[in-house]
Amino acid sequence: PRPPLPTPRSHAILIRTPTPPAPPSSPTTTTTPQTAELARSPSFPKPIIQPPPHPPPLSSPAQLPPPPTPPSP
């Protein structure tokens, strides 16, 4: 029988590579890691503009009139 191949070593290297980039991308996204992956790919240079949409919703409800309150008996 052949000796066990050094698979654990290659695995450790693979796991070690994706770990470093994760921390730096965390602060950039602050919301979801998906944005970091998209921003990384050169074909998706616009995903970074997606986060902004969050602030607008906050002011939207404020401008809209309050929900119709039921008449108290």
PDB file of N, CA and C in Angstrom:
ATOM      1  N   PRO A   1       0.840  -1.229   0.000  1.00  0.00           N
ATOM      2  CA  PRO A   1       0.000   0.000   0.000  1.00  0.00           C
ATOM      3  C   PRO A   1       0.862   1.262   0.000  1.00  0.00           C
ATOM      4  N   ARG A   2       0.425   2.279  -0.718  1.00  0.00           N
ATOM      5  CA  ARG A   2       1.219   3.524  -0.772  1.00  0.00           C
ATOM      6  C   ARG A   2       1.049   4.321   0.522  1.00  0.00           C
ATOM      7  N   PRO A   3       2.047   5.125   0.828  1.00  0.00           N
ATOM      8  CA  PRO A   3       1.964   5.948   2.054  1.00  0.00           C
ATOM      9  C   PRO A   3       0.902   7.038   1.885  1.00  0.00           C
ATOM     10  N   PRO A   4       0.260   7.430   2.956  1.00  0.00           N
ATOM     11  CA  PRO A   4      -0.792   8.474   2.881  1.00  0.00           C
ATOM     12  C   PRO A   4      -0.237   9.767   2.304  1.00  0.00           C
ATOM     13  N   LEU A   5      -0.939  10.319   1.342  1.00  0.00           N
ATOM     14  CA  LEU A   5      -0.469  11.571   0.727  1.00  0.00           C
ATOM     15  C   LEU A   5      -0.617  12.736   1.715  1.00  0.00           C
ATOM     16  N   PRO A   6       0.236  13.733   1.583  1.00  0.00           N
ATOM     17  CA  PRO A   6       0.186  14.899   2.495  1.00  0.00           C
ATOM     18  C   PRO A   6      -1.027  15.771   2.192  1.00  0.00           C
ATOM     19  N   THR A   7      -2.205  15.237   2.379  1.00  0.00           N
ATOM     20  CA  THR A   7      -3.416  16.028   2.089  1.00  0.00           C
ATOM     21  C   THR A   7      -3.669  17.076   3.173  1.00  0.00           C
ATOM     22  N   PRO A   8      -3.524  16.697   4.448  1.00  0.00           N
ATOM     23  CA  PRO A   8      -3.789  17.676   5.524  1.00  0.00           C
ATOM     24  C   PRO A   8      -2.976  18.952   5.337  1.00  0.00           C
ATOM     25  N   ARG A   9      -1.766  18.799   4.801  1.00  0.00           N
ATOM     26  CA  ARG A   9      -0.932  20.006   4.644  1.00  0.00           C
ATOM     27  C   ARG A   9      -1.558  20.949   3.614  1.00  0.00           C
ATOM     28  N   SER A  10      -1.910  20.414   2.473  1.00  0.00           N
ATOM     29  CA  SER A  10      -2.496  21.270   1.431  1.00  0.00           C
ATOM     30  C   SER A  10      -3.804  21.890   1.949  1.00  0.00           C
ATOM     31  N   HIS A  11      -4.545  21.111   2.732  1.00  0.00           N
ATOM     32  CA  HIS A  11      -5.807  21.636   3.281  1.00  0.00           C
ATOM     33  C   HIS A  11      -5.533  22.842   4.179  1.00  0.00           C
ATOM     34  N   ALA A  12      -4.535  22.697   5.029  1.00  0.00           N
ATOM     35  CA  ALA A  12      -4.207  23.795   5.951  1.00  0.00           C
ATOM     36  C   ALA A  12      -3.861  25.053   5.155  1.00  0.00           C
ATOM     37  N   ILE A  13      -3.133  24.878   4.064  1.00  0.00           N
ATOM     38  CA  ILE A  13      -2.735  26.046   3.259  1.00  0.00           C
ATOM     39  C   ILE A  13      -3.989  26.686   2.636  1.00  0.00           C
ATOM     40  N   LEU A  14      -4.880  25.839   2.151  1.00  0.00           N
ATOM     41  CA  LEU A  14      -6.090  26.360   1.518  1.00  0.00           C
ATOM     42  C   LEU A  14      -6.935  27.118   2.549  1.00  0.00           C
ATOM     43  N   ILE A  15      -7.033  26.550   3.732  1.00  0.00           N
ATOM     44  CA  ILE A  15      -7.846  27.196   4.772  1.00  0.00           C
ATOM     45  C   ILE A  15      -7.148  28.463   5.280  1.00  0.00           C
ATOM     46  N   ARG A  16      -5.823  28.437   5.236  1.00  0.00           N
ATOM     47  CA  ARG A  16      -5.087  29.605   5.756  1.00  0.00           C
ATOM     48  C   ARG A  16      -5.202  30.787   4.775  1.00  0.00           C
ATOM     49  N   THR A  17      -5.256  30.497   3.504  1.00  0.00           N
ATOM     50  CA  THR A  17      -5.303  31.592   2.528  1.00  0.00           C
ATOM     51  C   THR A  17      -6.601  32.403   2.660  1.00  0.00           C
ATOM     52  N   PRO A  18      -7.751  31.776   2.619  1.00  0.00           N
ATOM     53  CA  PRO A  18      -9.013  32.522   2.704  1.00  0.00           C
ATOM     54  C   PRO A  18      -9.227  33.210   4.046  1.00  0.00           C
ATOM     55  N   THR A  19      -8.521  32.765   5.069  1.00  0.00           N
ATOM     56  CA  THR A  19      -8.730  33.386   6.393  1.00  0.00           C
ATOM     57  C   THR A  19      -8.212  34.833   6.435  1.00  0.00           C
ATOM     58  N   PRO A  20      -6.988  35.098   6.027  1.00  0.00           N
ATOM     59  CA  PRO A  20      -6.451  36.472   6.090  1.00  0.00           C
ATOM     60  C   PRO A  20      -7.344  37.485   5.371  1.00  0.00           C
ATOM     61  N   PRO A  21      -7.723  37.241   4.124  1.00  0.00           N
ATOM     62  CA  PRO A  21      -8.548  38.207   3.395  1.00  0.00           C
ATOM     63  C   PRO A  21      -9.893  38.458   4.079  1.00  0.00           C
ATOM     64  N   ALA A  22     -10.359  37.527   4.860  1.00  0.00           N
ATOM     65  CA  ALA A  22     -11.675  37.688   5.498  1.00  0.00           C
ATOM     66  C   ALA A  22     -11.694  38.899   6.440  1.00  0.00           C
ATOM     67  N   PRO A  23     -10.789  38.993   7.421  1.00  0.00           N
ATOM     68  CA  PRO A  23     -10.795  40.127   8.364  1.00  0.00           C
ATOM     69  C   PRO A  23     -10.801  41.489   7.660  1.00  0.00           C
ATOM     70  N   PRO A  24      -9.900  41.746   6.730  1.00  0.00           N
ATOM     71  CA  PRO A  24      -9.853  43.055   6.065  1.00  0.00           C
ATOM     72  C   PRO A  24     -11.148  43.373   5.333  1.00  0.00           C
ATOM     73  N   SER A  25     -11.805  42.361   4.772  1.00  0.00           N
ATOM     74  CA  SER A  25     -13.040  42.614   4.014  1.00  0.00           C
ATOM     75  C   SER A  25     -14.212  42.847   4.972  1.00  0.00           C
ATOM     76  N   SER A  26     -14.122  42.311   6.179  1.00  0.00           N
ATOM     77  CA  SER A  26     -15.223  42.469   7.149  1.00  0.00           C
ATOM     78  C   SER A  26     -15.555  43.948   7.378  1.00  0.00           C
ATOM     79  N   PRO A  27     -14.586  44.761   7.784  1.00  0.00           N
ATOM     80  CA  PRO A  27     -14.851  46.188   8.027  1.00  0.00           C
ATOM     81  C   PRO A  27     -15.369  46.901   6.785  1.00  0.00           C
ATOM     82  N   THR A  28     -14.942  46.463   5.608  1.00  0.00           N
ATOM     83  CA  THR A  28     -15.393  47.140   4.384  1.00  0.00           C
ATOM     84  C   THR A  28     -16.880  46.876   4.147  1.00  0.00           C
ATOM     85  N   THR A  29     -17.302  45.630   4.360  1.00  0.00           N
ATOM     86  CA  THR A  29     -18.705  45.282   4.110  1.00  0.00           C
ATOM     87  C   THR A  29     -19.562  45.632   5.333  1.00  0.00           C
ATOM     88  N   THR A  30     -19.129  45.203   6.510  1.00  0.00           N
ATOM     89  CA  THR A  30     -19.862  45.462   7.759  1.00  0.00           C
ATOM     90  C   THR A  30     -21.261  44.850   7.700  1.00  0.00           C
ATOM     91  N   THR A  31     -21.747  44.513   6.531  1.00  0.00           N
ATOM     92  CA  THR A  31     -23.096  43.943   6.444  1.00  0.00           C
ATOM     93  C   THR A  31     -23.015  42.462   6.084  1.00  0.00           C
ATOM     94  N   THR A  32     -22.621  42.156   4.845  1.00  0.00           N
ATOM     95  CA  THR A  32     -22.576  40.755   4.417  1.00  0.00           C
ATOM     96  C   THR A  32     -21.256  40.480   3.696  1.00  0.00           C
ATOM     97  N   PRO A  33     -20.706  39.302   3.900  1.00  0.00           N
ATOM     98  CA  PRO A  33     -19.437  38.926   3.249  1.00  0.00           C
ATOM     99  C   PRO A  33     -19.599  38.818   1.742  1.00  0.00           C
ATOM    100  N   GLN A  34     -20.824  38.677   1.283  1.00  0.00           N
ATOM    101  CA  GLN A  34     -21.058  38.550  -0.158  1.00  0.00           C
ATOM    102  C   GLN A  34     -20.538  39.786  -0.894  1.00  0.00           C
ATOM    103  N   THR A  35     -20.762  40.954  -0.330  1.00  0.00           N
ATOM    104  CA  THR A  35     -20.304  42.190  -0.985  1.00  0.00           C
ATOM    105  C   THR A  35     -18.794  42.154  -1.176  1.00  0.00           C
ATOM    106  N   ALA A  36     -18.095  41.628  -0.179  1.00  0.00           N
ATOM    107  CA  ALA A  36     -16.632  41.558  -0.263  1.00  0.00           C
ATOM    108  C   ALA A  36     -16.235  40.679  -1.445  1.00  0.00           C
ATOM    109  N   GLU A  37     -16.907  39.536  -1.585  1.00  0.00           N
ATOM    110  CA  GLU A  37     -16.573  38.628  -2.686  1.00  0.00           C
ATOM    111  C   GLU A  37     -16.873  39.303  -4.024  1.00  0.00           C
ATOM    112  N   LEU A  38     -17.992  39.973  -4.103  1.00  0.00           N
ATOM    113  CA  LEU A  38     -18.365  40.637  -5.352  1.00  0.00           C
ATOM    114  C   LEU A  38     -17.369  41.748  -5.671  1.00  0.00           C
ATOM    115  N   ALA A  39     -17.038  42.533  -4.660  1.00  0.00           N
ATOM    116  CA  ALA A  39     -16.090  43.636  -4.859  1.00  0.00           C
ATOM    117  C   ALA A  39     -14.744  43.076  -5.313  1.00  0.00           C
ATOM    118  N   ARG A  40     -14.417  41.883  -4.827  1.00  0.00           N
ATOM    119  CA  ARG A  40     -13.123  41.291  -5.199  1.00  0.00           C
ATOM    120  C   ARG A  40     -13.107  40.970  -6.693  1.00  0.00           C
ATOM    121  N   SER A  41     -14.197  40.415  -7.196  1.00  0.00           N
ATOM    122  CA  SER A  41     -14.220  40.038  -8.619  1.00  0.00           C
ATOM    123  C   SER A  41     -14.206  41.304  -9.480  1.00  0.00           C
ATOM    124  N   PRO A  42     -13.381  41.318 -10.518  1.00  0.00           N
ATOM    125  CA  PRO A  42     -13.251  42.507 -11.389  1.00  0.00           C
ATOM    126  C   PRO A  42     -14.495  42.732 -12.225  1.00  0.00           C
ATOM    127  N   SER A  43     -15.328  41.712 -12.385  1.00  0.00           N
ATOM    128  CA  SER A  43     -16.520  41.858 -13.228  1.00  0.00           C
ATOM    129  C   SER A  43     -17.662  42.504 -12.432  1.00  0.00           C
ATOM    130  N   PHE A  44     -17.503  42.622 -11.102  1.00  0.00           N
ATOM    131  CA  PHE A  44     -18.555  43.238 -10.293  1.00  0.00           C
ATOM    132  C   PHE A  44     -18.012  44.442  -9.520  1.00  0.00           C
ATOM    133  N   PRO A  45     -17.612  45.495 -10.223  1.00  0.00           N
ATOM    134  CA  PRO A  45     -17.045  46.673  -9.547  1.00  0.00           C
ATOM    135  C   PRO A  45     -18.143  47.597  -9.002  1.00  0.00           C
ATOM    136  N   LYS A  46     -19.413  47.268  -9.266  1.00  0.00           N
ATOM    137  CA  LYS A  46     -20.499  48.152  -8.809  1.00  0.00           C
ATOM    138  C   LYS A  46     -21.144  47.693  -7.496  1.00  0.00           C
ATOM    139  N   PRO A  47     -21.062  46.409  -7.155  1.00  0.00           N
ATOM    140  CA  PRO A  47     -21.683  45.932  -5.902  1.00  0.00           C
ATOM    141  C   PRO A  47     -21.397  46.822  -4.699  1.00  0.00           C
ATOM    142  N   ILE A  48     -20.313  47.595  -4.755  1.00  0.00           N
ATOM    143  CA  ILE A  48     -19.962  48.442  -3.599  1.00  0.00           C
ATOM    144  C   ILE A  48     -21.004  49.561  -3.439  1.00  0.00           C
ATOM    145  N   ILE A  49     -21.732  49.869  -4.512  1.00  0.00           N
ATOM    146  CA  ILE A  49     -22.729  50.947  -4.438  1.00  0.00           C
ATOM    147  C   ILE A  49     -24.036  50.421  -3.832  1.00  0.00           C
ATOM    148  N   GLN A  50     -24.138  49.089  -3.651  1.00  0.00           N
ATOM    149  CA  GLN A  50     -25.385  48.527  -3.107  1.00  0.00           C
ATOM    150  C   GLN A  50     -25.625  48.929  -1.640  1.00  0.00           C
ATOM    151  N   PRO A  51     -24.600  48.891  -0.792  1.00  0.00           N
ATOM    152  CA  PRO A  51     -24.776  49.253   0.621  1.00  0.00           C
ATOM    153  C   PRO A  51     -25.523  50.582   0.838  1.00  0.00           C
ATOM    154  N   PRO A  52     -25.226  51.657   0.096  1.00  0.00           N
ATOM    155  CA  PRO A  52     -25.905  52.945   0.284  1.00  0.00           C
ATOM    156  C   PRO A  52     -27.417  52.833   0.447  1.00  0.00           C
ATOM    157  N   PRO A  53     -28.093  52.028  -0.363  1.00  0.00           N
ATOM    158  CA  PRO A  53     -29.562  51.903  -0.265  1.00  0.00           C
ATOM    159  C   PRO A  53     -30.073  51.746   1.167  1.00  0.00           C
ATOM    160  N   HIS A  54     -29.212  51.370   2.101  1.00  0.00           N
ATOM    161  CA  HIS A  54     -29.687  51.164   3.477  1.00  0.00           C
ATOM    162  C   HIS A  54     -30.163  52.480   4.124  1.00  0.00           C
ATOM    163  N   PRO A  55     -29.370  53.550   4.067  1.00  0.00           N
ATOM    164  CA  PRO A  55     -29.767  54.824   4.700  1.00  0.00           C
ATOM    165  C   PRO A  55     -31.107  55.359   4.190  1.00  0.00           C
ATOM    166  N   PRO A  56     -31.340  55.404   2.881  1.00  0.00           N
ATOM    167  CA  PRO A  56     -32.609  55.930   2.350  1.00  0.00           C
ATOM    168  C   PRO A  56     -33.831  55.373   3.078  1.00  0.00           C
ATOM    169  N   PRO A  57     -33.970  54.047   3.189  1.00  0.00           N
ATOM    170  CA  PRO A  57     -35.143  53.456   3.856  1.00  0.00           C
ATOM    171  C   PRO A  57     -35.418  54.092   5.214  1.00  0.00           C
ATOM    172  N   LEU A  58     -34.365  54.476   5.919  1.00  0.00           N
ATOM    173  CA  LEU A  58     -34.564  55.046   7.264  1.00  0.00           C
ATOM    174  C   LEU A  58     -35.342  56.363   7.165  1.00  0.00           C
ATOM    175  N   SER A  59     -35.008  57.195   6.172  1.00  0.00           N
ATOM    176  CA  SER A  59     -35.684  58.491   6.058  1.00  0.00           C
ATOM    177  C   SER A  59     -37.048  58.310   5.370  1.00  0.00           C
ATOM    178  N   SER A  60     -37.191  57.247   4.592  1.00  0.00           N
ATOM    179  CA  SER A  60     -38.461  57.014   3.886  1.00  0.00           C
ATOM    180  C   SER A  60     -39.633  56.943   4.870  1.00  0.00           C
ATOM    181  N   PRO A  61     -39.574  56.036   5.838  1.00  0.00           N
ATOM    182  CA  PRO A  61     -40.693  55.904   6.799  1.00  0.00           C
ATOM    183  C   PRO A  61     -40.971  57.219   7.525  1.00  0.00           C
ATOM    184  N   ALA A  62     -39.939  58.000   7.784  1.00  0.00           N
ATOM    185  CA  ALA A  62     -40.123  59.262   8.516  1.00  0.00           C
ATOM    186  C   ALA A  62     -40.970  60.223   7.665  1.00  0.00           C
ATOM    187  N   GLN A  63     -40.710  60.264   6.366  1.00  0.00           N
ATOM    188  CA  GLN A  63     -41.459  61.181   5.493  1.00  0.00           C
ATOM    189  C   GLN A  63     -42.898  60.697   5.315  1.00  0.00           C
ATOM    190  N   LEU A  64     -43.067  59.376   5.232  1.00  0.00           N
ATOM    191  CA  LEU A  64     -44.419  58.837   5.024  1.00  0.00           C
ATOM    192  C   LEU A  64     -45.302  59.157   6.241  1.00  0.00           C
ATOM    193  N   PRO A  65     -46.586  59.346   6.001  1.00  0.00           N
ATOM    194  CA  PRO A  65     -47.507  59.667   7.113  1.00  0.00           C
ATOM    195  C   PRO A  65     -47.662  58.456   8.027  1.00  0.00           C
ATOM    196  N   PRO A  66     -47.954  58.667   9.289  1.00  0.00           N
ATOM    197  CA  PRO A  66     -48.105  57.552  10.243  1.00  0.00           C
ATOM    198  C   PRO A  66     -49.288  56.679   9.856  1.00  0.00           C
ATOM    199  N   PRO A  67     -49.274  55.414  10.237  1.00  0.00           N
ATOM    200  CA  PRO A  67     -50.375  54.494   9.882  1.00  0.00           C
ATOM    201  C   PRO A  67     -51.681  54.973  10.501  1.00  0.00           C
ATOM    202  N   PRO A  68     -52.784  54.766   9.812  1.00  0.00           N
ATOM    203  CA  PRO A  68     -54.097  55.229  10.341  1.00  0.00           C
ATOM    204  C   PRO A  68     -54.414  54.508  11.646  1.00  0.00           C
ATOM    205  N   THR A  69     -54.469  55.246  12.728  1.00  0.00           N
ATOM    206  CA  THR A  69     -54.765  54.609  14.032  1.00  0.00           C
ATOM    207  C   THR A  69     -56.275  54.365  14.155  1.00  0.00           C
ATOM    208  N   PRO A  70     -56.648  53.204  14.660  1.00  0.00           N
ATOM    209  CA  PRO A  70     -58.099  52.880  14.790  1.00  0.00           C
ATOM    210  C   PRO A  70     -58.767  53.826  15.785  1.00  0.00           C
ATOM    211  N   PRO A  71     -59.977  54.247  15.507  1.00  0.00           N
ATOM    212  CA  PRO A  71     -60.690  55.180  16.424  1.00  0.00           C
ATOM    213  C   PRO A  71     -60.915  54.527  17.783  1.00  0.00           C
ATOM    214  N   SER A  72     -60.486  55.217  18.825  1.00  0.00           N
ATOM    215  CA  SER A  72     -60.671  54.629  20.166  1.00  0.00           C
ATOM    216  C   SER A  72     -62.154  54.692  20.570  1.00  0.00           C
ATOM    217  N   PRO A  73     -62.627  53.685  21.250  1.00  0.00           N
ATOM    218  CA  PRO A  73     -64.067  53.633  21.635  1.00  0.00           C
ATOM    219  C   PRO A  73     -64.444  54.758  22.578  1.00  0.00           C
TER     220      PRO A  73
END
